[in-house]
Amino acid sequence: MEVKTARKAIFAGITGIIAGFLYAAGRSLDQQDTLNLLDKGFYLRWLMLSVVAAAAICGIWQLAARLSAGRIWERTRQKGAELPLPFLQLLYAGILLICWLPAFLSIVPGVFSYDAYAEWEQVRTGMITSHHPVIHVLLVGGLLEGFYRLTGSYNVGIGIYTLLQMLFVSNILALTICYLKKRGVGLWGRLLTLLFYGLSPVLQMFAICTTKDVIFSAFELLLMLLTLLFVEDRDHFFADRKIQGGCIAAAFGTMIFRNNGLYIVLLLLTLLFFLCRRYWKRYILLVLGILALYGIYAGPACSALRVTPGGIEEMLSVPIQQLARVYHYDYASLAQEDLELLYQALPRESLEAYKPTVADPVKSGFNREGFEANKKELLGLWIRWGLEHPLTYINSFLIGTVDFWYPGAVMDGYKDPYGRSSYFDYRVAQPGEEIVLLPGLHDFYEKLSWDKEAQQKPLAFLVLSPGWYFLVFLVVFMYLWCYKKRGLLVPLLIPLLNMATVLLGPMALVRYVLILFYAFPLLLALFFKSDAFGR
């Protein structure tokens, strides 16, 4: 599609300004834990980076437009008989499992870390809360407890969970490669996608990790594929019950495997309604099916399990950190009555444990009763302090999220006193017992997970940095918008909404934005072959 030069210049300029900020602000925050918004030098650096980025983006977009409109993709197709797609999916999934097997053998029975211990504890004690997704709590804790009673070993349950997860994720990624084949991506494009999925150390490590984010992100990717089918051909979508059933399953899985998935799906479903046209009645039935499943899950099912609500502090990570930062840096200017009010929800000991990049130290002492008794007053305090200390609030938000969007960032949210980064929690926590069958590979993954120097090696950011993958997402999103591929923007709202929700979370971790890694090959296909998607 031909696009006017002025439109391209405007969109490339806007994208360049955003990219320039990611680098200029990100570098300052990453090195100094603060961004001086009164420093004229910052704005000069931002301007220079924006100009360079806009020029580079404009050139890349021109290349992508020519490739998309050309015949280069069709010439890469294999000649002769083609293998049936179901067989190809099994083949791709099998290759991925073989690629991931060494990672599994490096730390048998799999990486049991992050929230897995707390989830197992809920099942062991019978006190289940909605703090973690109930379905994942039951899956992890149920397998561990069930196989422990059968075998006397918790490792068996961890291993079974890990292998089931590897099977599920490998099939979703294989389905993505098959989808790319249907859209004309040739043998070399599919091979590169397979190599990325199979050999990326990030995807290998998460394939064997028990965190809920892995299955959640796989469901997100499946939902992206099915949303693409929806915007491409609604006639076919509503004529195929298998596709509609898959859409219901993908949306439901996204809603229940992470708490923020509910908001992502609800916003997506609302937007899709306006694209239905004559199929609006069938679409309403589809949405009712999704909502009915979720209603049963969140209502009768959770009630039967006596699930108790999680703490409200989990939704207040950003305001808590902003208040704590004002307390930490501007204490001398604060009125005593304001401090006494703040102490009702956040004790002095918790406020003094403040870390800029993670909310957990302050949040751990949150007084729910004190908050409920003074909710309106605390809201007023948060607003008033924000007006009095706006730069402190802005810095609090930026430093807490910088590792998500700065391409050169090293994931270091916990600020370990021994200098270890928090890129990946490579270990087997209790009640599991770590077994190392490939010690050399174990050392490699361990170094990659915790060693900042290893993560800062030349070009390592191309593999490791969530900020780099977000930058690629930004360039592709704005390109499709500029070239009026509006239908293709709809599935990209899923990773965009995911990013928007995790920015409000307690800290920046790779697992929260794993969808950016899973969707990377699909993004590149949309970028370089946009004319093959949609109508």
Protein backbone atom coordinates (compact mmCIF):
# COMPACT_ATOMS: atom_id res chain seq x y z
CA MET A 1 0.00 0.00 0.00
CA GLU A 2 1.37 3.38 -1.02
CA VAL A 3 1.64 5.82 1.87
CA LYS A 4 2.24 9.54 1.58
CA THR A 5 5.71 10.76 2.49
CA ALA A 6 4.34 13.20 5.07
CA ARG A 7 2.50 10.40 6.88
CA LYS A 8 5.62 8.23 6.96
CA ALA A 9 7.69 11.14 8.26
CA ILE A 10 5.19 11.87 11.04
CA PHE A 11 4.89 8.25 12.17
CA ALA A 12 8.64 7.63 11.93
CA GLY A 13 9.20 10.84 13.91
CA ILE A 14 6.81 9.79 16.69
CA THR A 15 8.37 6.33 16.84
CA GLY A 16 11.84 7.88 16.89
CA ILE A 17 10.89 10.15 19.79
CA ILE A 18 9.66 7.16 21.80
CA ALA A 19 12.74 5.09 20.92
CA GLY A 20 14.99 8.03 21.80
CA PHE A 21 13.35 8.28 25.22
CA LEU A 22 13.79 4.55 25.82
CA TYR A 23 17.54 4.91 25.35
CA ALA A 24 18.15 8.36 26.86
CA ALA A 25 15.98 7.88 29.95
CA GLY A 26 16.73 4.19 30.29
CA ARG A 27 20.50 4.68 30.41
CA SER A 28 20.22 7.33 33.12
CA LEU A 29 17.86 5.25 35.23
CA ASP A 30 19.89 2.08 34.75
CA GLN A 31 23.15 3.72 35.84
CA GLN A 32 22.02 6.29 38.41
CA ASP A 33 18.64 4.99 39.67
CA THR A 34 17.14 8.39 38.84
CA LEU A 35 16.26 10.62 35.91
CA ASN A 36 16.90 14.34 36.33
CA LEU A 37 14.06 15.89 34.35
CA LEU A 38 15.44 19.36 35.03
CA ASP A 39 18.73 18.55 33.29
CA LYS A 40 18.92 20.25 29.88
CA GLY A 41 21.54 17.74 28.81
CA PHE A 42 18.98 14.94 29.05
CA TYR A 43 16.68 16.65 26.57
CA LEU A 44 19.59 17.28 24.19
CA ARG A 45 20.56 13.59 24.30
CA TRP A 46 16.91 12.63 23.82
CA LEU A 47 16.63 14.91 20.77
CA MET A 48 19.80 13.56 19.16
CA LEU A 49 18.81 9.96 19.72
CA SER A 50 15.30 10.65 18.41
CA VAL A 51 16.61 12.10 15.14
CA VAL A 52 18.94 9.13 14.56
CA ALA A 53 16.23 6.63 15.50
CA ALA A 54 13.60 8.28 13.26
CA ALA A 55 15.93 8.20 10.24
CA ALA A 56 16.83 4.54 10.86
CA ILE A 57 13.20 3.55 11.39
CA CYS A 58 12.10 5.29 8.19
CA GLY A 59 14.70 3.35 6.21
CA ILE A 60 13.76 0.04 7.81
CA TRP A 61 10.09 0.68 7.08
CA GLN A 62 10.88 1.37 3.42
CA LEU A 63 12.70 -1.96 3.18
CA ALA A 64 9.86 -3.80 4.92
CA ALA A 65 7.27 -2.25 2.58
CA ARG A 66 9.22 -3.40 -0.49
CA LEU A 67 9.69 -6.91 0.84
CA SER A 68 6.03 -7.17 1.82
CA ALA A 69 4.83 -6.12 -1.63
CA GLY A 70 7.41 -8.22 -3.51
CA ARG A 71 7.59 -11.88 -4.41
CA ILE A 72 10.59 -12.82 -2.29
CA TRP A 73 8.54 -14.88 0.18
CA GLU A 74 6.78 -16.97 -2.43
CA ARG A 75 10.09 -17.98 -4.03
CA THR A 76 11.23 -19.58 -0.76
CA ARG A 77 8.42 -22.12 -0.75
CA GLN A 78 9.31 -25.75 -1.18
CA LYS A 79 8.48 -27.36 -4.47
CA GLY A 80 6.72 -30.68 -4.78
CA ALA A 81 4.52 -32.47 -2.28
CA GLU A 82 4.13 -30.80 1.11
CA LEU A 83 3.77 -32.55 4.43
CA PRO A 84 0.33 -32.30 6.08
CA LEU A 85 0.22 -29.53 8.69
CA PRO A 86 -0.73 -31.85 11.62
CA PHE A 87 2.35 -33.93 10.91
CA LEU A 88 4.47 -30.79 10.64
CA GLN A 89 3.16 -29.56 13.97
CA LEU A 90 4.17 -32.82 15.64
CA LEU A 91 7.55 -32.68 13.90
CA TYR A 92 8.21 -29.10 15.01
CA ALA A 93 7.06 -29.87 18.56
CA GLY A 94 9.31 -32.93 18.70
CA ILE A 95 12.33 -30.92 17.52
CA LEU A 96 11.64 -28.26 20.17
CA LEU A 97 11.45 -30.91 22.89
CA ILE A 98 14.79 -32.33 21.75
CA CYS A 99 16.29 -28.82 21.85
CA TRP A 100 14.96 -28.23 25.37
CA LEU A 101 15.95 -31.63 26.75
CA PRO A 102 19.56 -30.65 27.61
CA ALA A 103 18.22 -27.70 29.65
CA PHE A 104 15.99 -30.12 31.55
CA LEU A 105 18.88 -32.49 32.19
CA SER A 106 21.01 -29.61 33.47
CA ILE A 107 18.71 -29.17 36.48
CA VAL A 108 16.44 -32.18 37.02
CA PRO A 109 13.50 -32.22 37.84
CA GLY A 110 13.12 -28.68 36.43
CA VAL A 111 13.39 -25.15 37.77
CA PHE A 112 11.15 -24.98 40.84
CA SER A 113 11.36 -21.32 41.85
CA TYR A 114 9.60 -17.94 41.93
CA ASP A 115 6.12 -18.44 43.42
CA ALA A 116 6.08 -22.23 43.08
CA TYR A 117 6.98 -22.86 46.73
CA ALA A 118 4.18 -20.56 47.95
CA GLU A 119 1.71 -22.27 45.61
CA TRP A 120 2.69 -25.72 46.86
CA GLU A 121 2.34 -24.49 50.45
CA GLN A 122 -1.25 -23.44 49.75
CA VAL A 123 -2.19 -26.95 48.64
CA ARG A 124 -0.22 -28.61 51.43
CA THR A 125 -1.94 -26.53 54.10
CA GLY A 126 -5.34 -26.40 52.36
CA MET A 127 -5.39 -22.59 52.62
CA ILE A 128 -5.80 -21.45 49.01
CA THR A 129 -5.95 -17.74 48.16
CA SER A 130 -6.48 -15.86 44.90
CA HIS A 131 -3.11 -14.14 45.25
CA HIS A 132 -1.77 -16.67 42.71
CA PRO A 133 -3.99 -18.13 39.96
CA VAL A 134 -5.95 -20.91 41.61
CA ILE A 135 -5.69 -23.22 38.60
CA HIS A 136 -1.89 -23.04 38.70
CA VAL A 137 -1.83 -23.50 42.47
CA LEU A 138 -3.86 -26.69 42.08
CA LEU A 139 -1.79 -27.90 39.15
CA VAL A 140 1.61 -27.40 40.80
CA GLY A 141 0.62 -28.23 44.36
CA GLY A 142 -1.65 -31.10 43.32
CA LEU A 143 1.03 -32.83 41.26
CA LEU A 144 3.65 -32.41 43.97
CA GLU A 145 1.44 -33.68 46.79
CA GLY A 146 -0.16 -36.41 44.69
CA PHE A 147 3.07 -37.95 43.45
CA TYR A 148 4.71 -37.53 46.87
CA ARG A 149 2.04 -39.74 48.37
CA LEU A 150 2.52 -42.29 45.59
CA THR A 151 6.31 -42.29 45.41
CA GLY A 152 7.63 -40.50 48.50
CA SER A 153 9.45 -37.99 46.27
CA TYR A 154 8.52 -34.41 45.47
CA ASN A 155 10.90 -34.47 42.53
CA VAL A 156 8.55 -36.77 40.62
CA GLY A 157 5.71 -34.25 40.81
CA ILE A 158 7.98 -31.37 39.77
CA GLY A 159 9.32 -33.45 36.87
CA ILE A 160 5.84 -34.45 35.67
CA TYR A 161 4.70 -30.83 35.75
CA THR A 162 7.80 -29.70 33.84
CA LEU A 163 7.36 -32.33 31.12
CA LEU A 164 3.64 -31.56 30.72
CA GLN A 165 4.45 -27.87 30.39
CA MET A 166 7.16 -28.59 27.81
CA LEU A 167 4.65 -30.62 25.76
CA PHE A 168 2.01 -27.89 25.90
CA VAL A 169 4.30 -24.98 25.07
CA SER A 170 6.13 -26.84 22.31
CA ASN A 171 2.83 -27.57 20.58
CA ILE A 172 1.68 -23.93 20.77
CA LEU A 173 4.99 -22.76 19.30
CA ALA A 174 4.81 -25.47 16.64
CA LEU A 175 1.30 -24.33 15.77
CA THR A 176 2.69 -20.81 15.32
CA ILE A 177 5.26 -22.09 12.81
CA CYS A 178 2.53 -23.95 10.92
CA TYR A 179 0.48 -20.76 10.82
CA LEU A 180 3.44 -18.91 9.31
CA LYS A 181 3.70 -21.63 6.66
CA LYS A 182 0.06 -21.10 5.72
CA ARG A 183 0.80 -17.41 5.24
CA GLY A 184 3.59 -18.15 2.77
CA VAL A 185 6.62 -17.93 5.03
CA GLY A 186 9.12 -20.22 3.30
CA LEU A 187 11.39 -22.97 4.52
CA TRP A 188 14.20 -20.67 5.65
CA GLY A 189 11.83 -18.40 7.58
CA ARG A 190 10.28 -21.38 9.36
CA LEU A 191 13.70 -22.88 10.05
CA LEU A 192 14.91 -19.65 11.65
CA THR A 193 11.75 -19.53 13.75
CA LEU A 194 12.30 -23.12 14.85
CA LEU A 195 15.92 -22.37 15.75
CA PHE A 196 14.88 -19.30 17.73
CA TYR A 197 12.26 -21.20 19.69
CA GLY A 198 14.51 -24.19 20.24
CA LEU A 199 17.92 -22.63 20.91
CA SER A 200 17.19 -19.30 22.60
CA PRO A 201 18.51 -19.80 26.16
CA VAL A 202 15.65 -17.65 27.46
CA LEU A 203 13.00 -19.92 25.98
CA GLN A 204 14.93 -23.02 27.01
CA MET A 205 15.12 -21.88 30.64
CA PHE A 206 11.47 -20.91 30.85
CA ALA A 207 10.36 -24.12 29.13
CA ILE A 208 11.58 -26.03 32.20
CA CYS A 209 10.44 -23.47 34.80
CA THR A 210 7.33 -23.96 36.96
CA THR A 211 6.29 -20.30 36.97
CA LYS A 212 2.71 -19.66 35.86
CA ASP A 213 3.88 -17.10 33.29
CA VAL A 214 5.03 -19.81 30.87
CA ILE A 215 1.62 -21.41 30.32
CA PHE A 216 -0.04 -17.99 30.49
CA SER A 217 2.19 -16.61 27.73
CA ALA A 218 1.58 -19.67 25.56
CA PHE A 219 -2.17 -19.07 25.86
CA GLU A 220 -1.59 -15.41 24.96
CA LEU A 221 0.28 -16.45 21.82
CA LEU A 222 -2.51 -18.84 20.85
CA LEU A 223 -5.04 -16.05 21.38
CA MET A 224 -2.95 -13.79 19.12
CA LEU A 225 -3.04 -16.41 16.33
CA LEU A 226 -6.79 -16.89 16.63
CA THR A 227 -7.38 -13.14 16.73
CA LEU A 228 -5.40 -12.89 13.49
CA LEU A 229 -7.69 -15.52 11.97
CA PHE A 230 -10.64 -13.46 13.16
CA VAL A 231 -9.49 -10.20 11.56
CA GLU A 232 -8.34 -11.95 8.36
CA ASP A 233 -11.52 -13.83 7.50
CA ARG A 234 -14.55 -13.61 9.76
CA ASP A 235 -16.58 -15.75 7.37
CA HIS A 236 -14.18 -18.63 7.87
CA PHE A 237 -13.81 -17.94 11.60
CA PHE A 238 -17.53 -18.21 12.29
CA ALA A 239 -17.95 -21.18 9.94
CA ASP A 240 -15.37 -23.31 11.77
CA ARG A 241 -16.42 -24.48 15.21
CA LYS A 242 -12.95 -25.83 15.97
CA ILE A 243 -11.49 -22.36 15.55
CA GLN A 244 -14.22 -20.87 17.75
CA GLY A 245 -13.62 -23.57 20.36
CA GLY A 246 -9.91 -22.85 20.26
CA CYS A 247 -10.63 -19.15 20.73
CA ILE A 248 -12.75 -19.86 23.80
CA ALA A 249 -10.02 -22.09 25.24
CA ALA A 250 -7.26 -19.54 24.52
CA ALA A 251 -9.23 -16.65 26.04
CA PHE A 252 -10.22 -18.71 29.09
CA GLY A 253 -6.64 -19.91 29.61
CA THR A 254 -5.34 -16.35 29.37
CA MET A 255 -7.90 -15.21 31.94
CA ILE A 256 -7.15 -17.86 34.56
CA PHE A 257 -3.37 -18.37 34.42
CA ARG A 258 -2.51 -14.81 35.46
CA ASN A 259 -4.73 -12.34 37.23
CA ASN A 260 -4.01 -9.57 34.71
CA GLY A 261 -5.17 -11.88 31.90
CA LEU A 262 -8.79 -11.09 32.80
CA TYR A 263 -8.36 -7.41 31.90
CA ILE A 264 -6.45 -8.22 28.71
CA VAL A 265 -9.20 -10.50 27.42
CA LEU A 266 -12.10 -8.25 28.43
CA LEU A 267 -10.59 -5.26 26.63
CA LEU A 268 -9.79 -7.36 23.57
CA LEU A 269 -13.31 -8.85 23.40
CA THR A 270 -14.83 -5.38 23.68
CA LEU A 271 -12.80 -4.14 20.73
CA LEU A 272 -13.49 -7.21 18.58
CA PHE A 273 -17.22 -6.62 18.93
CA PHE A 274 -16.95 -3.55 16.69
CA LEU A 275 -15.39 -5.68 13.94
CA CYS A 276 -18.13 -8.30 13.83
CA ARG A 277 -20.64 -6.58 11.54
CA ARG A 278 -23.20 -9.16 10.46
CA TYR A 279 -21.84 -11.82 12.82
CA TRP A 280 -22.54 -9.87 15.99
CA LYS A 281 -25.10 -12.39 17.29
CA ARG A 282 -22.68 -15.30 16.94
CA TYR A 283 -19.96 -13.21 18.47
CA ILE A 284 -22.09 -12.46 21.52
CA LEU A 285 -22.67 -16.20 21.96
CA LEU A 286 -18.90 -16.74 21.75
CA VAL A 287 -18.27 -14.09 24.39
CA LEU A 288 -21.00 -15.49 26.62
CA GLY A 289 -19.34 -18.89 26.39
CA ILE A 290 -16.01 -17.42 27.54
CA LEU A 291 -17.63 -15.44 30.35
CA ALA A 292 -19.70 -18.43 31.46
CA LEU A 293 -16.58 -20.58 31.80
CA TYR A 294 -14.82 -17.87 33.75
CA GLY A 295 -17.90 -17.30 35.91
CA ILE A 296 -18.02 -20.99 36.85
CA TYR A 297 -14.28 -20.98 37.57
CA ALA A 298 -14.24 -17.78 39.64
CA GLY A 299 -17.58 -18.47 41.31
CA PRO A 300 -18.77 -21.99 42.22
CA ALA A 301 -15.39 -23.68 41.64
CA CYS A 302 -13.42 -21.28 43.81
CA SER A 303 -16.17 -21.26 46.43
CA ALA A 304 -16.07 -25.04 46.61
CA LEU A 305 -12.33 -24.84 47.24
CA ARG A 306 -12.88 -22.12 49.87
CA VAL A 307 -10.53 -19.76 48.08
CA THR A 308 -9.93 -16.55 50.04
CA PRO A 309 -9.18 -13.21 48.36
CA GLY A 310 -5.61 -12.04 47.95
CA GLY A 311 -4.38 -8.86 49.57
CA ILE A 312 -5.36 -5.52 48.05
CA GLU A 313 -1.73 -4.39 48.37
CA GLU A 314 -0.92 -6.42 45.24
CA MET A 315 -2.89 -3.86 43.24
CA LEU A 316 -1.20 -0.91 44.93
CA SER A 317 2.46 -1.58 44.12
CA VAL A 318 2.96 1.66 42.18
CA PRO A 319 1.28 4.01 44.74
CA ILE A 320 3.06 2.25 47.62
CA GLN A 321 6.44 2.73 45.93
CA GLN A 322 5.68 6.36 45.15
CA LEU A 323 4.76 7.12 48.76
CA ALA A 324 7.82 5.22 49.99
CA ARG A 325 10.13 7.13 47.63
CA VAL A 326 8.82 10.47 48.87
CA TYR A 327 9.33 9.22 52.43
CA HIS A 328 12.86 8.09 51.58
CA TYR A 329 14.08 11.15 49.68
CA ASP A 330 11.91 14.02 50.97
CA TYR A 331 11.38 13.04 54.60
CA ALA A 332 12.44 16.42 56.01
CA SER A 333 9.65 18.23 54.15
CA LEU A 334 6.83 15.94 55.35
CA ALA A 335 4.30 16.98 58.00
CA GLN A 336 4.09 14.83 61.13
CA GLU A 337 0.34 14.28 60.75
CA ASP A 338 0.90 12.99 57.21
CA LEU A 339 3.51 10.56 58.49
CA GLU A 340 1.19 9.31 61.21
CA LEU A 341 -1.50 8.69 58.58
CA LEU A 342 0.96 6.87 56.34
CA TYR A 343 2.08 4.65 59.22
CA GLN A 344 -1.50 3.37 59.52
CA ALA A 345 -1.00 1.41 56.29
CA LEU A 346 2.80 1.25 55.97
CA PRO A 347 4.80 0.84 59.18
CA ARG A 348 8.02 2.80 59.60
CA GLU A 349 10.12 -0.39 59.41
CA SER A 350 8.68 -1.26 56.00
CA LEU A 351 9.17 2.25 54.63
CA GLU A 352 12.81 2.21 55.72
CA ALA A 353 13.31 -1.05 53.80
CA TYR A 354 12.50 0.78 50.54
CA LYS A 355 14.25 -0.39 47.35
CA PRO A 356 13.60 1.64 44.18
CA THR A 357 13.21 -1.34 41.85
CA VAL A 358 11.00 -3.72 43.84
CA ALA A 359 7.88 -3.08 45.92
CA ASP A 360 8.01 -6.27 48.00
CA PRO A 361 10.13 -4.94 50.94
CA VAL A 362 7.70 -2.09 51.60
CA LYS A 363 4.60 -4.03 50.63
CA SER A 364 5.41 -6.94 52.95
CA GLY A 365 4.49 -4.84 55.99
CA PHE A 366 1.26 -3.47 54.53
CA ASN A 367 -1.46 -3.14 57.19
CA ARG A 368 -4.76 -4.06 55.52
CA GLU A 369 -6.90 -3.09 58.49
CA GLY A 370 -5.21 0.28 58.78
CA PHE A 371 -5.63 0.88 55.08
CA GLU A 372 -9.33 0.00 55.09
CA ALA A 373 -9.96 2.28 58.08
CA ASN A 374 -8.22 5.24 56.41
CA LYS A 375 -8.76 4.56 52.71
CA LYS A 376 -10.10 8.00 51.72
CA GLU A 377 -7.51 9.86 53.75
CA LEU A 378 -4.67 7.78 52.29
CA LEU A 379 -5.96 8.40 48.77
CA GLY A 380 -5.98 12.11 49.49
CA LEU A 381 -2.44 11.86 50.87
CA TRP A 382 -1.22 10.05 47.75
CA ILE A 383 -2.77 12.72 45.49
CA ARG A 384 -1.43 15.60 47.56
CA TRP A 385 2.10 14.22 47.76
CA GLY A 386 1.98 13.60 44.02
CA LEU A 387 1.18 17.26 43.39
CA GLU A 388 3.92 18.35 45.78
CA HIS A 389 6.55 15.88 44.55
CA PRO A 390 5.67 15.13 40.89
CA LEU A 391 9.24 14.36 39.79
CA THR A 392 9.66 11.90 42.65
CA TYR A 393 6.48 10.07 41.59
CA ILE A 394 7.59 9.99 37.95
CA ASN A 395 11.02 8.65 38.91
CA SER A 396 9.46 6.02 41.15
CA PHE A 397 7.39 4.68 38.26
CA LEU A 398 10.23 4.83 35.73
CA ILE A 399 12.88 3.15 37.89
CA GLY A 400 10.43 0.39 38.75
CA THR A 401 9.71 -0.38 35.10
CA VAL A 402 12.93 0.54 33.27
CA ASP A 403 14.07 -3.07 32.84
CA PHE A 404 10.95 -3.75 30.78
CA TRP A 405 11.61 -1.08 28.15
CA TYR A 406 15.29 -0.06 28.13
CA PRO A 407 17.05 -2.25 25.51
CA GLY A 408 20.37 -2.10 27.36
CA ALA A 409 19.04 -2.97 30.82
CA VAL A 410 20.27 -5.80 33.01
CA MET A 411 17.42 -7.33 35.01
CA ASP A 412 18.43 -6.42 38.57
CA GLY A 413 15.21 -5.66 40.42
CA TYR A 414 16.15 -7.30 43.71
CA LYS A 415 19.49 -5.42 43.95
CA ASP A 416 21.23 -8.42 45.47
CA PRO A 417 23.97 -7.31 47.93
CA TYR A 418 26.36 -9.84 46.37
CA GLY A 419 25.93 -8.30 42.92
CA ARG A 420 23.85 -11.09 41.34
CA SER A 421 21.18 -10.01 38.88
CA SER A 422 17.63 -11.31 38.97
CA TYR A 423 17.28 -12.21 35.30
CA PHE A 424 16.20 -15.80 35.97
CA ASP A 425 15.79 -17.76 39.21
CA TYR A 426 17.75 -20.86 38.19
CA ARG A 427 17.36 -23.27 41.11
CA VAL A 428 15.25 -26.01 42.64
CA ALA A 429 13.66 -24.72 45.83
CA GLN A 430 12.28 -26.92 48.60
CA PRO A 431 10.72 -29.42 48.73
CA GLY A 432 12.52 -30.40 45.52
CA GLU A 433 16.10 -31.64 45.35
CA GLU A 434 18.38 -30.45 42.55
CA ILE A 435 20.04 -33.12 40.37
CA VAL A 436 22.67 -31.94 37.88
CA LEU A 437 23.29 -34.34 35.00
CA LEU A 438 25.02 -31.86 32.68
CA PRO A 439 27.29 -29.75 34.94
CA GLY A 440 28.81 -27.69 32.11
CA LEU A 441 25.42 -26.60 30.83
CA HIS A 442 24.26 -26.03 34.40
CA ASP A 443 27.12 -23.58 34.93
CA PHE A 444 26.22 -21.80 31.67
CA TYR A 445 22.57 -21.28 32.64
CA GLU A 446 23.50 -20.28 36.17
CA LYS A 447 25.95 -17.66 34.91
CA LEU A 448 23.44 -16.36 32.39
CA SER A 449 20.79 -16.08 35.10
CA TRP A 450 22.79 -14.26 37.77
CA ASP A 451 26.01 -12.82 36.31
CA LYS A 452 25.65 -9.20 35.15
CA GLU A 453 28.88 -9.36 33.15
CA ALA A 454 27.59 -12.31 31.13
CA GLN A 455 24.38 -10.41 30.38
CA GLN A 456 26.30 -7.33 29.24
CA LYS A 457 28.53 -9.03 26.69
CA PRO A 458 28.42 -7.61 23.13
CA LEU A 459 25.10 -8.34 21.37
CA ALA A 460 23.80 -10.31 24.40
CA PHE A 461 20.91 -7.84 24.60
CA LEU A 462 19.61 -9.20 21.27
CA VAL A 463 18.87 -12.47 23.05
CA LEU A 464 18.20 -11.43 26.63
CA SER A 465 16.76 -7.93 26.86
CA PRO A 466 12.98 -7.54 27.16
CA GLY A 467 13.55 -3.88 26.27
CA TRP A 468 15.00 -4.91 22.92
CA TYR A 469 11.97 -7.08 22.12
CA PHE A 470 9.69 -4.24 23.20
CA LEU A 471 11.53 -1.87 20.84
CA VAL A 472 10.99 -4.33 17.97
CA PHE A 473 7.32 -4.55 18.94
CA LEU A 474 7.06 -0.75 18.94
CA VAL A 475 8.63 -0.45 15.46
CA VAL A 476 6.33 -3.14 14.02
CA PHE A 477 3.20 -1.73 15.69
CA MET A 478 3.82 1.80 14.43
CA TYR A 479 4.72 0.50 10.95
CA LEU A 480 1.42 -1.36 10.61
CA TRP A 481 -0.41 1.73 11.85
CA CYS A 482 1.47 4.00 9.45
CA TYR A 483 0.80 1.73 6.47
CA LYS A 484 -2.88 1.44 7.44
CA LYS A 485 -2.81 -2.26 8.32
CA ARG A 486 -5.25 -1.54 11.11
CA GLY A 487 -6.68 -5.05 11.28
CA LEU A 488 -3.25 -6.44 12.09
CA LEU A 489 -2.95 -4.07 15.04
CA VAL A 490 -5.76 -5.89 16.87
CA PRO A 491 -3.82 -9.06 17.81
CA LEU A 492 -0.85 -6.89 18.77
CA LEU A 493 -3.02 -5.33 21.46
CA ILE A 494 -2.52 -8.53 23.47
CA PRO A 495 1.22 -8.01 24.19
CA LEU A 496 0.58 -4.25 24.42
CA LEU A 497 -2.10 -4.70 27.08
CA ASN A 498 0.10 -7.24 28.82
CA MET A 499 2.88 -4.65 29.00
CA ALA A 500 0.46 -1.99 30.27
CA THR A 501 -0.71 -4.23 33.12
CA VAL A 502 2.73 -5.40 34.26
CA LEU A 503 3.96 -1.81 34.40
CA LEU A 504 1.68 -1.52 37.43
CA GLY A 505 3.24 -4.57 39.10
CA PRO A 506 5.75 -4.88 41.95
CA MET A 507 8.92 -5.09 39.82
CA ALA A 508 10.32 -5.86 36.37
CA LEU A 509 10.99 -9.53 35.60
CA VAL A 510 11.45 -11.28 32.26
CA ARG A 511 8.71 -13.79 33.01
CA TYR A 512 6.09 -11.02 33.10
CA VAL A 513 6.73 -10.11 29.44
CA LEU A 514 7.55 -13.56 28.06
CA ILE A 515 4.92 -13.01 25.36
CA LEU A 516 7.32 -10.57 23.65
CA PHE A 517 9.76 -13.46 23.17
CA TYR A 518 7.11 -15.97 22.06
CA ALA A 519 5.55 -13.52 19.60
CA PHE A 520 8.86 -12.29 18.13
CA PRO A 521 8.84 -14.48 14.96
CA LEU A 522 5.19 -13.63 14.37
CA LEU A 523 6.00 -9.92 14.68
CA LEU A 524 8.76 -10.21 12.10
CA ALA A 525 6.42 -12.04 9.71
CA LEU A 526 3.80 -9.29 10.10
CA PHE A 527 6.51 -6.70 9.52
CA PHE A 528 8.16 -8.14 6.42
CA LYS A 529 5.11 -9.88 4.98
CA SER A 530 2.15 -7.78 6.07
CA ASP A 531 0.41 -8.09 2.68
CA ALA A 532 -0.02 -11.84 3.28
CA PHE A 533 -2.11 -11.21 6.41
CA GLY A 534 -5.59 -9.80 6.60
CA ARG A 535 -7.77 -8.58 3.77
